[in-house]
Amino acid sequence: MATEMQNLVAELEANICRVVLGKPEVVRLCTVALLAGEHVLLEDVPGVGKTLIGKALAKSVSGDFCRIQFTPDLLPSDITGGSVYQAQTGEFKYVPGPVFANIILADEINRTTPRTQSALLEAMSDRQVSVDGQSHPLPEPFMVIATQNPFEFEGTYPLPESQLDRFLMRIAVGYPSREDELQVLTSHRGGEPVDALQPVLSSEDIVSLQARVREVRVDETIHDYLLDLIEATRTSEELQVGASTRATLCLYRASQGLALVEGRDFVIPDDVKRLAIPVLSHRVLARGYLNGSQRDAIEAIIERLVDGVAIPG
C-alpha cells in the first residue's frame, strides 16, 4: 500500500513538472500542502510562473477547478455567492459562488481590498460558506492556491495576519536557471503546454492520500524538537511576534505530509527543519521592519533559530 501511495505522488509531481520546469522543490512543497489538506501562498515578482504552478496542480487532479482573478473592484459575493430573488416563486435562493470547487486559484490575491480577501477566511478554515444565516459545506478535497506580488509593488494591499495564518506555507518561486528558461522558450513555441495537461489523480485519490498523511507516525522526540523550534521563535529578541499554536499544528501536519511524499510512514527531524521557513515565515513578525519588507529578514532569522536548536539523536 505504501508503494502504491508513493507511486501516486510521484505521478502527480511528474505531471506538474512537465510544464513547471526547474522548480522541483516548489512543486514538492505544493504537493505537501495538498496532501496535508491545507492551502498555499505563492509569492514573487510577476511573470515567474506562480499562476502556471497553480494551474498545473489543478489540472493534474480531476475535479472542479476555478480561477478567481482578484481585482480592486471584486466583491465578497463575487467569491462566496449570494441570495438571488426568484421572480417565479417570490423567494430568495442562494446561488453558490466560484469558491465551491475542489481547487481554487486565487490569482493576485493582494490586488483586492482586505474586505474581499476576508471572504475566503471561513472557506479556508472551516470548509464552509455562511450566507444569510445558512452554512453551505464546500466539496472535498478543497484547496486554495493563492498568488501574490510583493507588497512593495504598486496596486497591492497587504494581506491581514489572520488571512496569512490560513495558508500552510508561503513559497517564493524565484527566477529559473538559464537552462530551464531556454527549455521554456522551446516548449512555448506551439502555445501553452499547461493547457494540454490531463488529470493523473482523482479527487478520491487525494482524499485517500490526505487520510494516510494523518496516519504518519510522529515520535515523542520529534514532538519535543518541533516545540523547541516554536519556543525559539517566541523567545527570540529578533522577533516581535512568535509562532502561534496554529503554526505548531501546521508544522506538525506539513511534516507528516512531507514524510508521506518522501515515501516514509514516520517523520524525521529533517522534515521539520526543511519546512520551518515556508511554514513559519509568514506567521511571525520581525522587530524594526515594515510588514511588507521583512520576508528575507524573517527567513534569515528563522534559519538561525533552526540552526540553534539541537536535533534529536
C-alpha atoms as a PDB file:
ATOM      1  CA  MET A   1       0.000   0.000   0.000  1.00  0.00           C
ATOM      2  CA  ALA A   2       2.846   2.394   0.837  1.00  0.00           C
ATOM      3  CA  THR A   3       4.399   1.789  -2.587  1.00  0.00           C
ATOM      4  CA  GLU A   4       1.064   2.466  -4.269  1.00  0.00           C
ATOM      5  CA  MET A   5       0.726   5.769  -2.411  1.00  0.00           C
ATOM      6  CA  GLN A   6       4.267   6.781  -3.324  1.00  0.00           C
ATOM      7  CA  ASN A   7       3.599   5.962  -6.990  1.00  0.00           C
ATOM      8  CA  LEU A   8       0.512   8.186  -6.967  1.00  0.00           C
ATOM      9  CA  VAL A   9       2.504  11.076  -5.509  1.00  0.00           C
ATOM     10  CA  ALA A  10       5.344  10.561  -7.985  1.00  0.00           C
ATOM     11  CA  GLU A  11       2.886  10.554 -10.872  1.00  0.00           C
ATOM     12  CA  LEU A  12       1.322  13.795  -9.664  1.00  0.00           C
ATOM     13  CA  GLU A  13       4.661  15.574  -9.297  1.00  0.00           C
ATOM     14  CA  ALA A  14       5.939  14.296 -12.641  1.00  0.00           C
ATOM     15  CA  ASN A  15       2.836  15.600 -14.390  1.00  0.00           C
ATOM     16  CA  ILE A  16       3.242  19.060 -12.851  1.00  0.00           C
ATOM     17  CA  CYS A  17       6.967  19.141 -13.666  1.00  0.00           C
ATOM     18  CA  ARG A  18       6.142  18.560 -17.338  1.00  0.00           C
ATOM     19  CA  VAL A  19       5.225  22.255 -17.561  1.00  0.00           C
ATOM     20  CA  VAL A  20       6.776  23.735 -14.395  1.00  0.00           C
ATOM     21  CA  LEU A  21      10.448  23.492 -15.322  1.00  0.00           C
ATOM     22  CA  GLY A  22      13.340  23.711 -12.868  1.00  0.00           C
ATOM     23  CA  LYS A  23      11.228  24.108  -9.723  1.00  0.00           C
ATOM     24  CA  PRO A  24      11.130  20.635  -8.120  1.00  0.00           C
ATOM     25  CA  GLU A  25      11.238  21.977  -4.557  1.00  0.00           C
ATOM     26  CA  VAL A  26       8.328  24.367  -5.188  1.00  0.00           C
ATOM     27  CA  VAL A  27       6.323  21.530  -6.743  1.00  0.00           C
ATOM     28  CA  ARG A  28       7.133  19.275  -3.785  1.00  0.00           C
ATOM     29  CA  LEU A  29       6.027  21.853  -1.222  1.00  0.00           C
ATOM     30  CA  CYS A  30       2.760  22.451  -3.109  1.00  0.00           C
ATOM     31  CA  THR A  31       2.178  18.693  -3.155  1.00  0.00           C
ATOM     32  CA  VAL A  32       2.808  18.528   0.585  1.00  0.00           C
ATOM     33  CA  ALA A  33       0.227  21.276   1.161  1.00  0.00           C
ATOM     34  CA  LEU A  34      -2.342  19.447  -0.993  1.00  0.00           C
ATOM     35  CA  LEU A  35      -1.848  16.134   0.832  1.00  0.00           C
ATOM     36  CA  ALA A  36      -1.909  17.864   4.211  1.00  0.00           C
ATOM     37  CA  GLY A  37      -5.344  19.244   3.281  1.00  0.00           C
ATOM     38  CA  GLU A  38      -4.181  22.838   3.530  1.00  0.00           C
ATOM     39  CA  HIS A  39      -3.614  25.912   1.363  1.00  0.00           C
ATOM     40  CA  VAL A  40      -0.528  27.506  -0.160  1.00  0.00           C
ATOM     41  CA  LEU A  41       0.543  31.081  -0.956  1.00  0.00           C
ATOM     42  CA  LEU A  42       2.965  31.622  -3.855  1.00  0.00           C
ATOM     43  CA  GLU A  43       4.712  34.975  -3.586  1.00  0.00           C
ATOM     44  CA  ASP A  44       7.161  36.567  -6.004  1.00  0.00           C
ATOM     45  CA  VAL A  45       7.517  39.147  -8.754  1.00  0.00           C
ATOM     46  CA  PRO A  46       5.153  38.930 -11.756  1.00  0.00           C
ATOM     47  CA  GLY A  47       5.975  36.546 -14.564  1.00  0.00           C
ATOM     48  CA  VAL A  48       7.980  33.808 -12.800  1.00  0.00           C
ATOM     49  CA  GLY A  49       5.307  31.107 -13.049  1.00  0.00           C
ATOM     50  CA  LYS A  50       3.129  31.431  -9.947  1.00  0.00           C
ATOM     51  CA  THR A  51      -0.133  31.117 -11.866  1.00  0.00           C
ATOM     52  CA  LEU A  52       1.345  28.348 -14.021  1.00  0.00           C
ATOM     53  CA  ILE A  53       2.132  26.262 -10.934  1.00  0.00           C
ATOM     54  CA  GLY A  54      -1.397  26.663  -9.620  1.00  0.00           C
ATOM     55  CA  LYS A  55      -2.981  25.743 -12.963  1.00  0.00           C
ATOM     56  CA  ALA A  56      -0.669  22.737 -13.435  1.00  0.00           C
ATOM     57  CA  LEU A  57      -1.523  21.342  -9.999  1.00  0.00           C
ATOM     58  CA  ALA A  58      -5.240  21.911 -10.512  1.00  0.00           C
ATOM     59  CA  LYS A  59      -5.228  20.285 -13.955  1.00  0.00           C
ATOM     60  CA  SER A  60      -3.363  17.249 -12.577  1.00  0.00           C
ATOM     61  CA  VAL A  61      -6.285  16.416 -10.276  1.00  0.00           C
ATOM     62  CA  SER A  62      -9.715  15.569 -11.629  1.00  0.00           C
ATOM     63  CA  GLY A  63     -12.445  17.626 -10.027  1.00  0.00           C
ATOM     64  CA  ASP A  64     -13.824  21.127 -10.185  1.00  0.00           C
ATOM     65  CA  PHE A  65     -11.296  23.918 -10.711  1.00  0.00           C
ATOM     66  CA  CYS A  66     -11.963  27.643 -10.617  1.00  0.00           C
ATOM     67  CA  ARG A  67      -9.639  30.570 -11.153  1.00  0.00           C
ATOM     68  CA  ILE A  68     -10.627  33.823  -9.454  1.00  0.00           C
ATOM     69  CA  GLN A  69      -8.798  36.923 -10.680  1.00  0.00           C
ATOM     70  CA  PHE A  70      -8.628  39.314  -7.742  1.00  0.00           C
ATOM     71  CA  THR A  71      -9.084  42.959  -8.701  1.00  0.00           C
ATOM     72  CA  PRO A  72      -9.783  46.142  -6.683  1.00  0.00           C
ATOM     73  CA  ASP A  73     -13.489  46.095  -7.606  1.00  0.00           C
ATOM     74  CA  LEU A  74     -14.080  42.440  -6.646  1.00  0.00           C
ATOM     75  CA  LEU A  75     -16.825  41.998  -4.023  1.00  0.00           C
ATOM     76  CA  PRO A  76     -17.135  39.275  -1.340  1.00  0.00           C
ATOM     77  CA  SER A  77     -20.303  37.965  -3.018  1.00  0.00           C
ATOM     78  CA  ASP A  78     -18.306  37.506  -6.243  1.00  0.00           C
ATOM     79  CA  ILE A  79     -16.426  34.776  -4.355  1.00  0.00           C
ATOM     80  CA  THR A  80     -18.934  33.212  -1.983  1.00  0.00           C
ATOM     81  CA  GLY A  81     -22.139  33.761  -3.951  1.00  0.00           C
ATOM     82  CA  GLY A  82     -25.322  35.230  -2.540  1.00  0.00           C
ATOM     83  CA  SER A  83     -29.089  35.164  -2.386  1.00  0.00           C
ATOM     84  CA  VAL A  84     -30.872  35.984  -5.629  1.00  0.00           C
ATOM     85  CA  TYR A  85     -34.563  36.864  -5.865  1.00  0.00           C
ATOM     86  CA  GLN A  86     -36.579  34.333  -7.872  1.00  0.00           C
ATOM     87  CA  ALA A  87     -39.457  36.101  -9.602  1.00  0.00           C
ATOM     88  CA  GLN A  88     -41.312  32.831 -10.272  1.00  0.00           C
ATOM     89  CA  THR A  89     -41.528  31.827  -6.612  1.00  0.00           C
ATOM     90  CA  GLY A  90     -41.222  35.204  -4.959  1.00  0.00           C
ATOM     91  CA  GLU A  91     -38.423  33.874  -2.756  1.00  0.00           C
ATOM     92  CA  PHE A  92     -34.691  34.365  -2.430  1.00  0.00           C
ATOM     93  CA  LYS A  93     -32.479  31.441  -3.458  1.00  0.00           C
ATOM     94  CA  TYR A  94     -28.818  31.019  -2.641  1.00  0.00           C
ATOM     95  CA  VAL A  95     -26.619  30.826  -5.743  1.00  0.00           C
ATOM     96  CA  PRO A  96     -23.148  29.385  -4.960  1.00  0.00           C
ATOM     97  CA  GLY A  97     -20.107  31.395  -5.986  1.00  0.00           C
ATOM     98  CA  PRO A  98     -16.875  30.197  -7.625  1.00  0.00           C
ATOM     99  CA  VAL A  99     -15.418  29.170  -4.257  1.00  0.00           C
ATOM    100  CA  PHE A 100     -17.472  25.946  -4.495  1.00  0.00           C
ATOM    101  CA  ALA A 101     -14.781  23.990  -6.336  1.00  0.00           C
ATOM    102  CA  ASN A 102     -12.162  21.456  -5.330  1.00  0.00           C
ATOM    103  CA  ILE A 103      -9.178  23.645  -6.195  1.00  0.00           C
ATOM    104  CA  ILE A 104      -9.332  27.438  -6.220  1.00  0.00           C
ATOM    105  CA  LEU A 105      -6.638  29.539  -7.870  1.00  0.00           C
ATOM    106  CA  ALA A 106      -6.848  32.932  -6.143  1.00  0.00           C
ATOM    107  CA  ASP A 107      -4.733  34.876  -8.606  1.00  0.00           C
ATOM    108  CA  GLU A 108      -3.066  38.071  -7.338  1.00  0.00           C
ATOM    109  CA  ILE A 109      -4.990  37.854  -4.088  1.00  0.00           C
ATOM    110  CA  ASN A 110      -3.407  41.022  -2.704  1.00  0.00           C
ATOM    111  CA  ARG A 111      -4.757  43.209  -5.514  1.00  0.00           C
ATOM    112  CA  THR A 112      -8.207  43.333  -3.928  1.00  0.00           C
ATOM    113  CA  THR A 113      -9.349  45.022  -0.735  1.00  0.00           C
ATOM    114  CA  PRO A 114      -8.958  43.382   2.695  1.00  0.00           C
ATOM    115  CA  ARG A 115     -12.768  43.152   2.957  1.00  0.00           C
ATOM    116  CA  THR A 116     -12.906  40.939  -0.118  1.00  0.00           C
ATOM    117  CA  GLN A 117      -9.805  38.990   0.921  1.00  0.00           C
ATOM    118  CA  SER A 118     -11.555  38.105   4.171  1.00  0.00           C
ATOM    119  CA  ALA A 119     -14.379  36.429   2.230  1.00  0.00           C
ATOM    120  CA  LEU A 120     -12.065  33.425   1.926  1.00  0.00           C
ATOM    121  CA  LEU A 121     -11.372  33.164   5.669  1.00  0.00           C
ATOM    122  CA  GLU A 122     -14.303  30.939   6.624  1.00  0.00           C
ATOM    123  CA  ALA A 123     -13.928  28.814   3.499  1.00  0.00           C
ATOM    124  CA  MET A 124     -10.224  28.177   4.171  1.00  0.00           C
ATOM    125  CA  SER A 125     -10.540  27.449   7.887  1.00  0.00           C
ATOM    126  CA  ASP A 126     -13.956  25.761   8.218  1.00  0.00           C
ATOM    127  CA  ARG A 127     -14.539  24.401   4.694  1.00  0.00           C
ATOM    128  CA  GLN A 128     -17.905  26.119   4.529  1.00  0.00           C
ATOM    129  CA  VAL A 129     -19.570  29.377   3.498  1.00  0.00           C
ATOM    130  CA  SER A 130     -22.201  31.129   5.612  1.00  0.00           C
ATOM    131  CA  VAL A 131     -24.715  33.364   3.865  1.00  0.00           C
ATOM    132  CA  ASP A 132     -27.912  34.780   5.386  1.00  0.00           C
ATOM    133  CA  GLY A 133     -27.563  32.588   8.459  1.00  0.00           C
ATOM    134  CA  GLN A 134     -27.183  29.368   6.471  1.00  0.00           C
ATOM    135  CA  SER A 135     -23.970  27.326   6.252  1.00  0.00           C
ATOM    136  CA  HIS A 136     -23.074  25.648   2.977  1.00  0.00           C
ATOM    137  CA  PRO A 137     -20.335  22.974   3.071  1.00  0.00           C
ATOM    138  CA  LEU A 138     -17.590  23.057   0.449  1.00  0.00           C
ATOM    139  CA  PRO A 139     -16.616  19.980  -1.584  1.00  0.00           C
ATOM    140  CA  GLU A 140     -13.799  17.620  -0.622  1.00  0.00           C
ATOM    141  CA  PRO A 141     -10.967  17.934  -1.297  1.00  0.00           C
ATOM    142  CA  PHE A 142     -10.752  21.717  -1.062  1.00  0.00           C
ATOM    143  CA  MET A 143      -7.581  23.731  -1.589  1.00  0.00           C
ATOM    144  CA  VAL A 144      -6.802  27.392  -2.211  1.00  0.00           C
ATOM    145  CA  ILE A 145      -3.664  28.175  -4.194  1.00  0.00           C
ATOM    146  CA  ALA A 146      -3.131  31.920  -3.934  1.00  0.00           C
ATOM    147  CA  THR A 147      -0.571  34.031  -5.756  1.00  0.00           C
ATOM    148  CA  GLN A 148       0.559  37.490  -4.781  1.00  0.00           C
ATOM    149  CA  ASN A 149       3.093  40.081  -5.839  1.00  0.00           C
ATOM    150  CA  PRO A 150       5.472  41.603  -3.270  1.00  0.00           C
ATOM    151  CA  PHE A 151       3.813  44.184  -1.030  1.00  0.00           C
ATOM    152  CA  GLU A 152       6.061  46.948  -2.381  1.00  0.00           C
ATOM    153  CA  PHE A 153       4.532  46.672  -5.870  1.00  0.00           C
ATOM    154  CA  GLU A 154       2.001  49.301  -6.955  1.00  0.00           C
ATOM    155  CA  GLY A 155      -1.676  48.439  -6.599  1.00  0.00           C
ATOM    156  CA  THR A 156      -1.288  45.827  -3.874  1.00  0.00           C
ATOM    157  CA  TYR A 157      -2.868  45.561  -0.422  1.00  0.00           C
ATOM    158  CA  PRO A 158      -1.122  43.757   2.447  1.00  0.00           C
ATOM    159  CA  LEU A 159      -2.816  40.502   3.446  1.00  0.00           C
ATOM    160  CA  PRO A 160      -4.158  40.660   7.027  1.00  0.00           C
ATOM    161  CA  GLU A 161      -2.315  38.466   9.527  1.00  0.00           C
ATOM    162  CA  SER A 162      -5.476  36.398  10.042  1.00  0.00           C
ATOM    163  CA  GLN A 163      -5.598  35.683   6.297  1.00  0.00           C
ATOM    164  CA  LEU A 164      -1.899  34.794   6.080  1.00  0.00           C
ATOM    165  CA  ASP A 165      -2.309  32.406   9.000  1.00  0.00           C
ATOM    166  CA  ARG A 166      -4.738  30.261   6.971  1.00  0.00           C
ATOM    167  CA  PHE A 167      -2.016  29.323   4.488  1.00  0.00           C
ATOM    168  CA  LEU A 168       0.046  26.286   5.414  1.00  0.00           C
ATOM    169  CA  MET A 169       3.063  27.638   3.550  1.00  0.00           C
ATOM    170  CA  ARG A 170       4.305  30.769   1.830  1.00  0.00           C
ATOM    171  CA  ILE A 171       6.629  29.842  -1.017  1.00  0.00           C
ATOM    172  CA  ALA A 172       8.911  32.077  -3.082  1.00  0.00           C
ATOM    173  CA  VAL A 173       9.114  30.836  -6.681  1.00  0.00           C
ATOM    174  CA  GLY A 174      12.276  32.617  -7.851  1.00  0.00           C
ATOM    175  CA  TYR A 175      13.770  33.032 -11.314  1.00  0.00           C
ATOM    176  CA  PRO A 176      14.584  29.947 -13.414  1.00  0.00           C
ATOM    177  CA  SER A 177      18.130  28.992 -14.374  1.00  0.00           C
ATOM    178  CA  ARG A 178      19.395  29.843 -17.855  1.00  0.00           C
ATOM    179  CA  GLU A 179      18.993  26.211 -18.984  1.00  0.00           C
ATOM    180  CA  ASP A 180      15.424  25.988 -17.683  1.00  0.00           C
ATOM    181  CA  GLU A 181      14.499  29.289 -19.281  1.00  0.00           C
ATOM    182  CA  LEU A 182      15.813  28.008 -22.604  1.00  0.00           C
ATOM    183  CA  GLN A 183      13.513  24.994 -22.223  1.00  0.00           C
ATOM    184  CA  VAL A 184      10.631  27.382 -21.545  1.00  0.00           C
ATOM    185  CA  LEU A 185      11.323  29.185 -24.822  1.00  0.00           C
ATOM    186  CA  THR A 186      11.326  25.875 -26.679  1.00  0.00           C
ATOM    187  CA  SER A 187       8.230  24.389 -25.034  1.00  0.00           C
ATOM    188  CA  HIS A 188       6.116  27.513 -25.565  1.00  0.00           C
ATOM    189  CA  ARG A 189       6.606  27.726 -29.322  1.00  0.00           C
ATOM    190  CA  GLY A 190       3.305  25.998 -30.019  1.00  0.00           C
ATOM    191  CA  GLY A 191       1.225  27.545 -27.215  1.00  0.00           C
ATOM    192  CA  GLU A 192       0.699  26.944 -23.510  1.00  0.00           C
ATOM    193  CA  PRO A 193       1.773  23.390 -22.503  1.00  0.00           C
ATOM    194  CA  VAL A 194      -0.323  23.560 -19.328  1.00  0.00           C
ATOM    195  CA  ASP A 195      -3.498  23.575 -21.427  1.00  0.00           C
ATOM    196  CA  ALA A 196      -2.684  20.057 -22.638  1.00  0.00           C
ATOM    197  CA  LEU A 197      -2.189  18.575 -19.144  1.00  0.00           C
ATOM    198  CA  GLN A 198      -4.511  15.721 -18.239  1.00  0.00           C
ATOM    199  CA  PRO A 199      -5.551  14.635 -14.724  1.00  0.00           C
ATOM    200  CA  VAL A 200      -3.472  11.819 -13.245  1.00  0.00           C
ATOM    201  CA  LEU A 201      -5.207  11.601  -9.852  1.00  0.00           C
ATOM    202  CA  SER A 202      -8.887  11.606  -8.946  1.00  0.00           C
ATOM    203  CA  SER A 203     -10.452  13.572  -6.116  1.00  0.00           C
ATOM    204  CA  GLU A 204     -10.929  10.264  -4.315  1.00  0.00           C
ATOM    205  CA  ASP A 205      -7.190   9.569  -4.604  1.00  0.00           C
ATOM    206  CA  ILE A 206      -6.419  12.908  -2.960  1.00  0.00           C
ATOM    207  CA  VAL A 207      -8.877  12.298  -0.107  1.00  0.00           C
ATOM    208  CA  SER A 208      -7.316   8.866   0.437  1.00  0.00           C
ATOM    209  CA  LEU A 209      -3.800  10.323   0.477  1.00  0.00           C
ATOM    210  CA  GLN A 210      -4.887  13.034   2.920  1.00  0.00           C
ATOM    211  CA  ALA A 211      -6.213  10.342   5.259  1.00  0.00           C
ATOM    212  CA  ARG A 212      -2.897   8.490   5.045  1.00  0.00           C
ATOM    213  CA  VAL A 213      -0.995  11.660   5.959  1.00  0.00           C
ATOM    214  CA  ARG A 214      -2.738  11.751   9.332  1.00  0.00           C
ATOM    215  CA  GLU A 215      -1.582   8.180   9.987  1.00  0.00           C
ATOM    216  CA  VAL A 216       2.118   9.054   9.594  1.00  0.00           C
ATOM    217  CA  ARG A 217       3.893   8.391  12.906  1.00  0.00           C
ATOM    218  CA  VAL A 218       5.494  11.231  14.832  1.00  0.00           C
ATOM    219  CA  ASP A 219       7.827  10.177  17.647  1.00  0.00           C
ATOM    220  CA  GLU A 220       7.870  11.942  21.021  1.00  0.00           C
ATOM    221  CA  THR A 221      11.389  13.186  20.282  1.00  0.00           C
ATOM    222  CA  ILE A 222      10.039  14.908  17.146  1.00  0.00           C
ATOM    223  CA  HIS A 223       7.295  16.498  19.261  1.00  0.00           C
ATOM    224  CA  ASP A 224       9.950  17.950  21.556  1.00  0.00           C
ATOM    225  CA  TYR A 225      12.092  19.138  18.646  1.00  0.00           C
ATOM    226  CA  LEU A 226       9.131  20.847  16.966  1.00  0.00           C
ATOM    227  CA  LEU A 227       8.072  22.539  20.198  1.00  0.00           C
ATOM    228  CA  ASP A 228      11.654  23.675  20.821  1.00  0.00           C
ATOM    229  CA  LEU A 229      11.633  25.402  17.430  1.00  0.00           C
ATOM    230  CA  ILE A 230       8.316  27.100  18.149  1.00  0.00           C
ATOM    231  CA  GLU A 231       9.535  28.216  21.584  1.00  0.00           C
ATOM    232  CA  ALA A 232      12.677  29.653  19.985  1.00  0.00           C
ATOM    233  CA  THR A 233      10.526  31.981  17.841  1.00  0.00           C
ATOM    234  CA  ARG A 234       8.627  33.158  20.921  1.00  0.00           C
ATOM    235  CA  THR A 235      11.727  33.936  22.963  1.00  0.00           C
ATOM    236  CA  SER A 236      13.887  35.383  20.176  1.00  0.00           C
ATOM    237  CA  GLU A 237      14.873  39.014  20.697  1.00  0.00           C
ATOM    238  CA  GLU A 238      14.814  39.496  16.917  1.00  0.00           C
ATOM    239  CA  LEU A 239      11.109  38.678  16.624  1.00  0.00           C
ATOM    240  CA  GLN A 240       8.284  40.879  17.841  1.00  0.00           C
ATOM    241  CA  VAL A 241       5.643  38.144  17.428  1.00  0.00           C
ATOM    242  CA  GLY A 242       6.468  34.437  17.635  1.00  0.00           C
ATOM    243  CA  ALA A 243       4.718  31.425  16.135  1.00  0.00           C
ATOM    244  CA  SER A 244       1.165  30.644  17.307  1.00  0.00           C
ATOM    245  CA  THR A 245      -0.400  27.341  18.291  1.00  0.00           C
ATOM    246  CA  ARG A 246      -1.887  27.116  14.792  1.00  0.00           C
ATOM    247  CA  ALA A 247       1.656  27.430  13.436  1.00  0.00           C
ATOM    248  CA  THR A 248       2.674  24.485  15.648  1.00  0.00           C
ATOM    249  CA  LEU A 249      -0.144  22.356  14.260  1.00  0.00           C
ATOM    250  CA  CYS A 250       0.655  23.398  10.692  1.00  0.00           C
ATOM    251  CA  LEU A 251       4.335  22.495  11.040  1.00  0.00           C
ATOM    252  CA  TYR A 252       3.279  19.148  12.521  1.00  0.00           C
ATOM    253  CA  ARG A 253       0.840  18.374   9.697  1.00  0.00           C
ATOM    254  CA  ALA A 254       3.224  19.581   6.989  1.00  0.00           C
ATOM    255  CA  SER A 255       5.959  17.310   8.383  1.00  0.00           C
ATOM    256  CA  GLN A 256       3.586  14.355   8.140  1.00  0.00           C
ATOM    257  CA  GLY A 257       2.785  15.317   4.544  1.00  0.00           C
ATOM    258  CA  LEU A 258       6.459  15.607   3.589  1.00  0.00           C
ATOM    259  CA  ALA A 259       7.215  12.228   5.154  1.00  0.00           C
ATOM    260  CA  LEU A 260       4.491  10.582   3.028  1.00  0.00           C
ATOM    261  CA  VAL A 261       5.678  12.345  -0.117  1.00  0.00           C
ATOM    262  CA  GLU A 262       9.211  11.125   0.603  1.00  0.00           C
ATOM    263  CA  GLY A 263       7.928   7.548   0.902  1.00  0.00           C
ATOM    264  CA  ARG A 264       8.030   7.180   4.697  1.00  0.00           C
ATOM    265  CA  ASP A 265       5.367   6.417   7.294  1.00  0.00           C
ATOM    266  CA  PHE A 266       7.265   8.312  10.001  1.00  0.00           C
ATOM    267  CA  VAL A 267       8.567  11.863  10.441  1.00  0.00           C
ATOM    268  CA  ILE A 268      12.272  12.596  10.866  1.00  0.00           C
ATOM    269  CA  PRO A 269      13.877  15.802  12.237  1.00  0.00           C
ATOM    270  CA  ASP A 270      14.957  16.871   8.740  1.00  0.00           C
ATOM    271  CA  ASP A 271      11.280  17.072   7.726  1.00  0.00           C
ATOM    272  CA  VAL A 272      10.620  19.647  10.426  1.00  0.00           C
ATOM    273  CA  LYS A 273      13.846  21.510   9.699  1.00  0.00           C
ATOM    274  CA  ARG A 274      13.172  21.658   5.953  1.00  0.00           C
ATOM    275  CA  LEU A 275       9.662  23.051   6.434  1.00  0.00           C
ATOM    276  CA  ALA A 276      10.381  25.576   9.180  1.00  0.00           C
ATOM    277  CA  ILE A 277      10.881  28.557   6.856  1.00  0.00           C
ATOM    278  CA  PRO A 278       7.922  28.079   4.455  1.00  0.00           C
ATOM    279  CA  VAL A 279       5.541  27.211   7.314  1.00  0.00           C
ATOM    280  CA  LEU A 280       6.620  29.794   9.904  1.00  0.00           C
ATOM    281  CA  SER A 281       7.997  32.795   7.988  1.00  0.00           C
ATOM    282  CA  HIS A 282       4.601  34.414   7.278  1.00  0.00           C
ATOM    283  CA  ARG A 283       3.351  33.837  10.834  1.00  0.00           C
ATOM    284  CA  VAL A 284       5.961  35.828  12.765  1.00  0.00           C
ATOM    285  CA  LEU A 285       6.940  39.497  12.793  1.00  0.00           C
ATOM    286  CA  ALA A 286      10.479  40.824  12.998  1.00  0.00           C
ATOM    287  CA  ARG A 287      11.464  43.837  15.054  1.00  0.00           C
ATOM    288  CA  GLY A 288      12.325  47.019  13.173  1.00  0.00           C
ATOM    289  CA  TYR A 289      10.850  46.071   9.777  1.00  0.00           C
ATOM    290  CA  LEU A 290       7.726  47.173   7.953  1.00  0.00           C
ATOM    291  CA  ASN A 291       5.294  44.332   7.264  1.00  0.00           C
ATOM    292  CA  GLY A 292       5.834  44.328   3.530  1.00  0.00           C
ATOM    293  CA  SER A 293       9.647  44.392   3.521  1.00  0.00           C
ATOM    294  CA  GLN A 294      10.610  41.801   6.088  1.00  0.00           C
ATOM    295  CA  ARG A 295      10.333  38.442   4.276  1.00  0.00           C
ATOM    296  CA  ASP A 296      14.051  37.972   3.653  1.00  0.00           C
ATOM    297  CA  ALA A 297      14.928  39.195   7.138  1.00  0.00           C
ATOM    298  CA  ILE A 298      12.436  36.829   8.796  1.00  0.00           C
ATOM    299  CA  GLU A 299      13.618  33.854   6.784  1.00  0.00           C
ATOM    300  CA  ALA A 300      17.192  34.571   7.824  1.00  0.00           C
ATOM    301  CA  ILE A 301      16.110  34.796  11.485  1.00  0.00           C
ATOM    302  CA  ILE A 302      14.229  31.500  11.325  1.00  0.00           C
ATOM    303  CA  GLU A 303      17.217  29.835   9.672  1.00  0.00           C
ATOM    304  CA  ARG A 304      19.439  30.987  12.541  1.00  0.00           C
ATOM    305  CA  LEU A 305      16.914  29.769  15.102  1.00  0.00           C
ATOM    306  CA  VAL A 306      16.686  26.371  13.422  1.00  0.00           C
ATOM    307  CA  ASP A 307      20.471  26.077  13.415  1.00  0.00           C
ATOM    308  CA  GLY A 308      20.493  26.886  17.128  1.00  0.00           C
ATOM    309  CA  VAL A 309      18.025  24.181  18.205  1.00  0.00           C
ATOM    310  CA  ALA A 310      19.527  20.783  18.978  1.00  0.00           C
ATOM    311  CA  ILE A 311      18.394  17.963  16.651  1.00  0.00           C
ATOM    312  CA  PRO A 312      17.242  14.768  18.375  1.00  0.00           C
ATOM    313  CA  GLY A 313      19.808  11.996  18.233  1.00  0.00           C
END
